[in-house]
Amino acid sequence: MLKITDDNYSEILSQDKLVVIDVWATWCGPCQRLAPIIAQVAEEVGDSVVVGKYNAENNEELLERYGVRNIPTILFIRHGEVADRLTGAVNAAKIKEYINKNS
């Protein structure tokens, strides 16, 4: 799973694949519960989708660019535009449903 930062997100978003970004913070309890779920989904989808984590404590450009106001938020980005988003701790089936819907 990729570590997405303000320094590398432009390159990652330029790929011709669906990009799934977990926006999180260390102090966020629901983010911590979501972490193993995101890792499981990333393993299951393999290279067909780019899955990464974006720490909202150390970065802010994506928060401003895509209007992220709450965490955890999962962004589903295609060609640099948000195709969909989920907010809050969700299960793997819901994340995969959104991946299938937006791939």
N, C-alpha and C. Protein backbone atom coordinates (compact mmCIF):
# COMPACT_ATOMS: atom_id res chain seq x y z
N MET A 1 0.85 -1.17 0.00
CA MET A 1 0.00 0.00 0.00
C MET A 1 0.89 1.24 0.00
N LEU A 2 0.50 2.20 -0.79
CA LEU A 2 1.30 3.41 -0.94
C LEU A 2 1.11 4.41 0.20
N LYS A 3 2.17 5.09 0.53
CA LYS A 3 2.08 6.22 1.43
C LYS A 3 1.96 7.46 0.53
N ILE A 4 0.81 8.11 0.59
CA ILE A 4 0.55 9.26 -0.26
C ILE A 4 0.78 10.53 0.56
N THR A 5 1.54 11.46 -0.02
CA THR A 5 1.88 12.70 0.66
C THR A 5 1.64 13.88 -0.28
N ASP A 6 1.80 15.08 0.25
CA ASP A 6 1.70 16.27 -0.59
C ASP A 6 2.78 16.27 -1.67
N ASP A 7 3.89 15.58 -1.42
CA ASP A 7 5.00 15.55 -2.37
C ASP A 7 4.78 14.59 -3.54
N ASN A 8 3.98 13.54 -3.35
CA ASN A 8 3.86 12.52 -4.41
C ASN A 8 2.46 12.32 -4.97
N TYR A 9 1.45 12.99 -4.44
CA TYR A 9 0.09 12.68 -4.88
C TYR A 9 -0.16 13.00 -6.35
N SER A 10 0.45 14.03 -6.90
CA SER A 10 0.23 14.38 -8.31
C SER A 10 0.63 13.23 -9.23
N GLU A 11 1.78 12.63 -8.94
CA GLU A 11 2.26 11.51 -9.74
C GLU A 11 1.32 10.30 -9.60
N ILE A 12 0.86 10.04 -8.39
CA ILE A 12 -0.01 8.89 -8.14
C ILE A 12 -1.36 9.09 -8.83
N LEU A 13 -1.90 10.30 -8.75
CA LEU A 13 -3.22 10.55 -9.35
C LEU A 13 -3.18 10.58 -10.86
N SER A 14 -2.00 10.70 -11.45
CA SER A 14 -1.90 10.75 -12.91
C SER A 14 -1.97 9.37 -13.54
N GLN A 15 -1.97 8.31 -12.73
CA GLN A 15 -2.05 6.95 -13.27
C GLN A 15 -3.42 6.71 -13.88
N ASP A 16 -3.47 5.81 -14.83
CA ASP A 16 -4.73 5.51 -15.52
C ASP A 16 -5.47 4.37 -14.82
N LYS A 17 -5.53 4.45 -13.52
CA LYS A 17 -6.23 3.45 -12.70
C LYS A 17 -7.06 4.20 -11.67
N LEU A 18 -8.01 3.49 -11.10
CA LEU A 18 -8.73 4.04 -9.96
C LEU A 18 -7.75 4.14 -8.80
N VAL A 19 -7.76 5.28 -8.12
CA VAL A 19 -6.91 5.50 -6.95
C VAL A 19 -7.82 5.60 -5.73
N VAL A 20 -7.59 4.77 -4.74
CA VAL A 20 -8.36 4.76 -3.51
C VAL A 20 -7.46 5.29 -2.41
N ILE A 21 -7.88 6.38 -1.78
CA ILE A 21 -7.05 7.02 -0.76
C ILE A 21 -7.79 7.03 0.57
N ASP A 22 -7.16 6.43 1.58
CA ASP A 22 -7.66 6.46 2.95
C ASP A 22 -7.04 7.68 3.63
N VAL A 23 -7.88 8.68 3.94
CA VAL A 23 -7.42 9.88 4.65
C VAL A 23 -7.62 9.61 6.13
N TRP A 24 -6.53 9.69 6.90
CA TRP A 24 -6.55 9.26 8.30
C TRP A 24 -5.66 10.16 9.15
N ALA A 25 -5.68 9.90 10.47
CA ALA A 25 -4.79 10.56 11.43
C ALA A 25 -4.55 9.60 12.60
N THR A 26 -3.41 9.74 13.25
CA THR A 26 -3.06 8.82 14.34
C THR A 26 -4.00 8.93 15.53
N TRP A 27 -4.54 10.11 15.80
CA TRP A 27 -5.40 10.34 16.95
C TRP A 27 -6.85 9.90 16.72
N CYS A 28 -7.16 9.45 15.51
CA CYS A 28 -8.53 9.12 15.11
C CYS A 28 -8.82 7.64 15.35
N GLY A 29 -9.66 7.35 16.33
CA GLY A 29 -10.01 5.97 16.65
C GLY A 29 -10.63 5.21 15.48
N PRO A 30 -11.64 5.76 14.81
CA PRO A 30 -12.21 5.06 13.66
C PRO A 30 -11.18 4.82 12.55
N CYS A 31 -10.22 5.73 12.40
CA CYS A 31 -9.15 5.55 11.40
C CYS A 31 -8.32 4.33 11.74
N GLN A 32 -8.03 4.15 13.01
CA GLN A 32 -7.23 3.01 13.45
C GLN A 32 -7.97 1.70 13.21
N ARG A 33 -9.30 1.71 13.41
CA ARG A 33 -10.09 0.50 13.15
C ARG A 33 -10.18 0.21 11.66
N LEU A 34 -10.14 1.25 10.84
CA LEU A 34 -10.24 1.09 9.39
C LEU A 34 -8.93 0.60 8.77
N ALA A 35 -7.80 0.87 9.41
CA ALA A 35 -6.48 0.55 8.83
C ALA A 35 -6.34 -0.90 8.38
N PRO A 36 -6.66 -1.90 9.21
CA PRO A 36 -6.50 -3.28 8.73
C PRO A 36 -7.48 -3.64 7.62
N ILE A 37 -8.61 -2.99 7.59
CA ILE A 37 -9.60 -3.24 6.53
C ILE A 37 -9.06 -2.73 5.20
N ILE A 38 -8.49 -1.52 5.21
CA ILE A 38 -7.89 -0.96 3.99
C ILE A 38 -6.74 -1.85 3.52
N ALA A 39 -5.93 -2.33 4.44
CA ALA A 39 -4.81 -3.22 4.09
C ALA A 39 -5.33 -4.51 3.44
N GLN A 40 -6.39 -5.06 3.98
CA GLN A 40 -6.99 -6.27 3.43
C GLN A 40 -7.51 -6.01 2.01
N VAL A 41 -8.22 -4.91 1.82
CA VAL A 41 -8.76 -4.58 0.50
C VAL A 41 -7.62 -4.37 -0.50
N ALA A 42 -6.57 -3.67 -0.08
CA ALA A 42 -5.42 -3.43 -0.96
C ALA A 42 -4.81 -4.75 -1.42
N GLU A 43 -4.70 -5.70 -0.52
CA GLU A 43 -4.14 -7.00 -0.86
C GLU A 43 -5.06 -7.74 -1.84
N GLU A 44 -6.36 -7.66 -1.60
CA GLU A 44 -7.32 -8.38 -2.45
C GLU A 44 -7.41 -7.80 -3.86
N VAL A 45 -7.33 -6.49 -4.01
CA VAL A 45 -7.47 -5.89 -5.35
C VAL A 45 -6.16 -5.92 -6.13
N GLY A 46 -5.04 -6.10 -5.45
CA GLY A 46 -3.75 -6.21 -6.12
C GLY A 46 -3.41 -4.95 -6.91
N ASP A 47 -2.86 -5.15 -8.11
CA ASP A 47 -2.39 -4.03 -8.92
C ASP A 47 -3.48 -3.40 -9.79
N SER A 48 -4.70 -3.93 -9.74
CA SER A 48 -5.75 -3.40 -10.60
C SER A 48 -6.22 -2.02 -10.14
N VAL A 49 -5.99 -1.71 -8.88
CA VAL A 49 -6.38 -0.43 -8.28
C VAL A 49 -5.21 0.05 -7.43
N VAL A 50 -4.98 1.35 -7.41
CA VAL A 50 -3.95 1.93 -6.55
C VAL A 50 -4.61 2.25 -5.21
N VAL A 51 -4.09 1.69 -4.13
CA VAL A 51 -4.63 1.95 -2.80
C VAL A 51 -3.53 2.58 -1.96
N GLY A 52 -3.85 3.69 -1.29
CA GLY A 52 -2.86 4.36 -0.47
C GLY A 52 -3.47 5.03 0.74
N LYS A 53 -2.59 5.46 1.62
CA LYS A 53 -3.00 6.15 2.84
C LYS A 53 -2.39 7.55 2.85
N TYR A 54 -3.19 8.52 3.29
CA TYR A 54 -2.80 9.92 3.32
C TYR A 54 -3.00 10.43 4.74
N ASN A 55 -1.91 10.74 5.42
CA ASN A 55 -1.98 11.19 6.81
C ASN A 55 -2.36 12.67 6.85
N ALA A 56 -3.54 12.96 7.38
CA ALA A 56 -4.06 14.33 7.42
C ALA A 56 -3.31 15.21 8.43
N GLU A 57 -2.53 14.60 9.31
CA GLU A 57 -1.76 15.40 10.27
C GLU A 57 -0.54 16.04 9.63
N ASN A 58 0.07 15.35 8.67
CA ASN A 58 1.32 15.81 8.08
C ASN A 58 1.15 16.42 6.70
N ASN A 59 -0.05 16.37 6.15
CA ASN A 59 -0.31 16.82 4.79
C ASN A 59 -1.64 17.56 4.78
N GLU A 60 -1.81 18.47 3.83
CA GLU A 60 -3.09 19.17 3.78
C GLU A 60 -3.57 19.50 2.37
N GLU A 61 -2.72 19.35 1.38
CA GLU A 61 -3.12 19.74 0.02
C GLU A 61 -4.32 18.97 -0.50
N LEU A 62 -4.35 17.65 -0.29
CA LEU A 62 -5.49 16.87 -0.76
C LEU A 62 -6.76 17.21 0.01
N LEU A 63 -6.60 17.55 1.30
CA LEU A 63 -7.76 17.92 2.10
C LEU A 63 -8.44 19.14 1.49
N GLU A 64 -7.65 20.13 1.13
CA GLU A 64 -8.18 21.35 0.53
C GLU A 64 -8.68 21.09 -0.89
N ARG A 65 -7.90 20.38 -1.68
CA ARG A 65 -8.25 20.15 -3.08
C ARG A 65 -9.58 19.42 -3.23
N TYR A 66 -9.83 18.43 -2.36
CA TYR A 66 -11.03 17.61 -2.48
C TYR A 66 -12.06 17.86 -1.38
N GLY A 67 -11.87 18.90 -0.59
CA GLY A 67 -12.88 19.28 0.40
C GLY A 67 -13.12 18.24 1.48
N VAL A 68 -12.06 17.60 1.94
CA VAL A 68 -12.21 16.61 3.01
C VAL A 68 -12.36 17.35 4.33
N ARG A 69 -13.48 17.13 4.99
CA ARG A 69 -13.77 17.82 6.26
C ARG A 69 -13.77 16.87 7.45
N ASN A 70 -13.96 15.58 7.20
CA ASN A 70 -14.03 14.58 8.27
C ASN A 70 -13.10 13.42 7.95
N ILE A 71 -12.61 12.78 9.01
CA ILE A 71 -11.82 11.57 8.81
C ILE A 71 -12.37 10.48 9.72
N PRO A 72 -12.25 9.24 9.32
CA PRO A 72 -11.67 8.80 8.07
C PRO A 72 -12.58 9.10 6.87
N THR A 73 -11.95 9.43 5.78
CA THR A 73 -12.62 9.57 4.49
C THR A 73 -11.85 8.73 3.49
N ILE A 74 -12.57 7.99 2.68
CA ILE A 74 -11.95 7.23 1.60
C ILE A 74 -12.37 7.89 0.29
N LEU A 75 -11.37 8.35 -0.46
CA LEU A 75 -11.61 8.98 -1.75
C LEU A 75 -11.38 7.97 -2.86
N PHE A 76 -12.26 7.96 -3.84
CA PHE A 76 -12.14 7.11 -5.02
C PHE A 76 -11.92 8.08 -6.18
N ILE A 77 -10.68 8.14 -6.68
CA ILE A 77 -10.29 9.16 -7.64
C ILE A 77 -9.97 8.51 -8.99
N ARG A 78 -10.56 9.09 -10.02
CA ARG A 78 -10.32 8.63 -11.39
C ARG A 78 -9.95 9.84 -12.23
N HIS A 79 -8.80 9.77 -12.90
CA HIS A 79 -8.31 10.88 -13.75
C HIS A 79 -8.26 12.20 -12.98
N GLY A 80 -7.83 12.14 -11.72
CA GLY A 80 -7.65 13.34 -10.91
C GLY A 80 -8.91 13.92 -10.31
N GLU A 81 -10.06 13.32 -10.59
CA GLU A 81 -11.33 13.81 -10.06
C GLU A 81 -11.93 12.79 -9.10
N VAL A 82 -12.57 13.28 -8.05
CA VAL A 82 -13.22 12.38 -7.10
C VAL A 82 -14.47 11.80 -7.76
N ALA A 83 -14.46 10.49 -7.94
CA ALA A 83 -15.61 9.80 -8.50
C ALA A 83 -16.61 9.45 -7.41
N ASP A 84 -16.10 9.24 -6.19
CA ASP A 84 -16.94 8.85 -5.07
C ASP A 84 -16.16 9.05 -3.78
N ARG A 85 -16.86 8.99 -2.67
CA ARG A 85 -16.20 9.05 -1.37
C ARG A 85 -17.04 8.35 -0.32
N LEU A 86 -16.38 7.81 0.67
CA LEU A 86 -17.02 7.23 1.85
C LEU A 86 -16.45 7.94 3.06
N THR A 87 -17.30 8.23 4.03
CA THR A 87 -16.83 8.87 5.26
C THR A 87 -17.21 7.98 6.43
N GLY A 88 -16.27 7.84 7.36
CA GLY A 88 -16.50 7.01 8.53
C GLY A 88 -15.90 5.62 8.34
N ALA A 89 -15.90 4.87 9.43
CA ALA A 89 -15.36 3.51 9.39
C ALA A 89 -16.38 2.61 8.71
N VAL A 90 -15.96 1.97 7.64
CA VAL A 90 -16.84 1.09 6.88
C VAL A 90 -16.17 -0.27 6.74
N ASN A 91 -16.94 -1.25 6.31
CA ASN A 91 -16.38 -2.60 6.17
C ASN A 91 -15.78 -2.81 4.78
N ALA A 92 -15.05 -3.91 4.65
CA ALA A 92 -14.36 -4.22 3.39
C ALA A 92 -15.34 -4.38 2.23
N ALA A 93 -16.50 -4.98 2.50
CA ALA A 93 -17.48 -5.20 1.43
C ALA A 93 -17.94 -3.87 0.85
N LYS A 94 -18.15 -2.87 1.68
CA LYS A 94 -18.60 -1.56 1.21
C LYS A 94 -17.51 -0.90 0.36
N ILE A 95 -16.26 -1.00 0.80
CA ILE A 95 -15.15 -0.41 0.04
C ILE A 95 -15.03 -1.09 -1.32
N LYS A 96 -15.12 -2.42 -1.34
CA LYS A 96 -15.02 -3.16 -2.61
C LYS A 96 -16.21 -2.86 -3.52
N GLU A 97 -17.38 -2.64 -2.94
CA GLU A 97 -18.56 -2.25 -3.73
C GLU A 97 -18.26 -0.92 -4.46
N TYR A 98 -17.68 0.04 -3.75
CA TYR A 98 -17.36 1.34 -4.36
C TYR A 98 -16.23 1.21 -5.38
N ILE A 99 -15.28 0.32 -5.12
CA ILE A 99 -14.21 0.09 -6.10
C ILE A 99 -14.81 -0.48 -7.38
N ASN A 100 -15.66 -1.48 -7.27
CA ASN A 100 -16.29 -2.09 -8.44
C ASN A 100 -17.15 -1.07 -9.18
N LYS A 101 -17.86 -0.24 -8.46
CA LYS A 101 -18.73 0.77 -9.06
C LYS A 101 -17.93 1.81 -9.84
N ASN A 102 -16.71 2.11 -9.41
CA ASN A 102 -15.94 3.20 -10.00
C ASN A 102 -14.76 2.75 -10.86
N SER A 103 -14.55 1.45 -10.99
CA SER A 103 -13.42 0.94 -11.80
C SER A 103 -13.74 0.99 -13.28
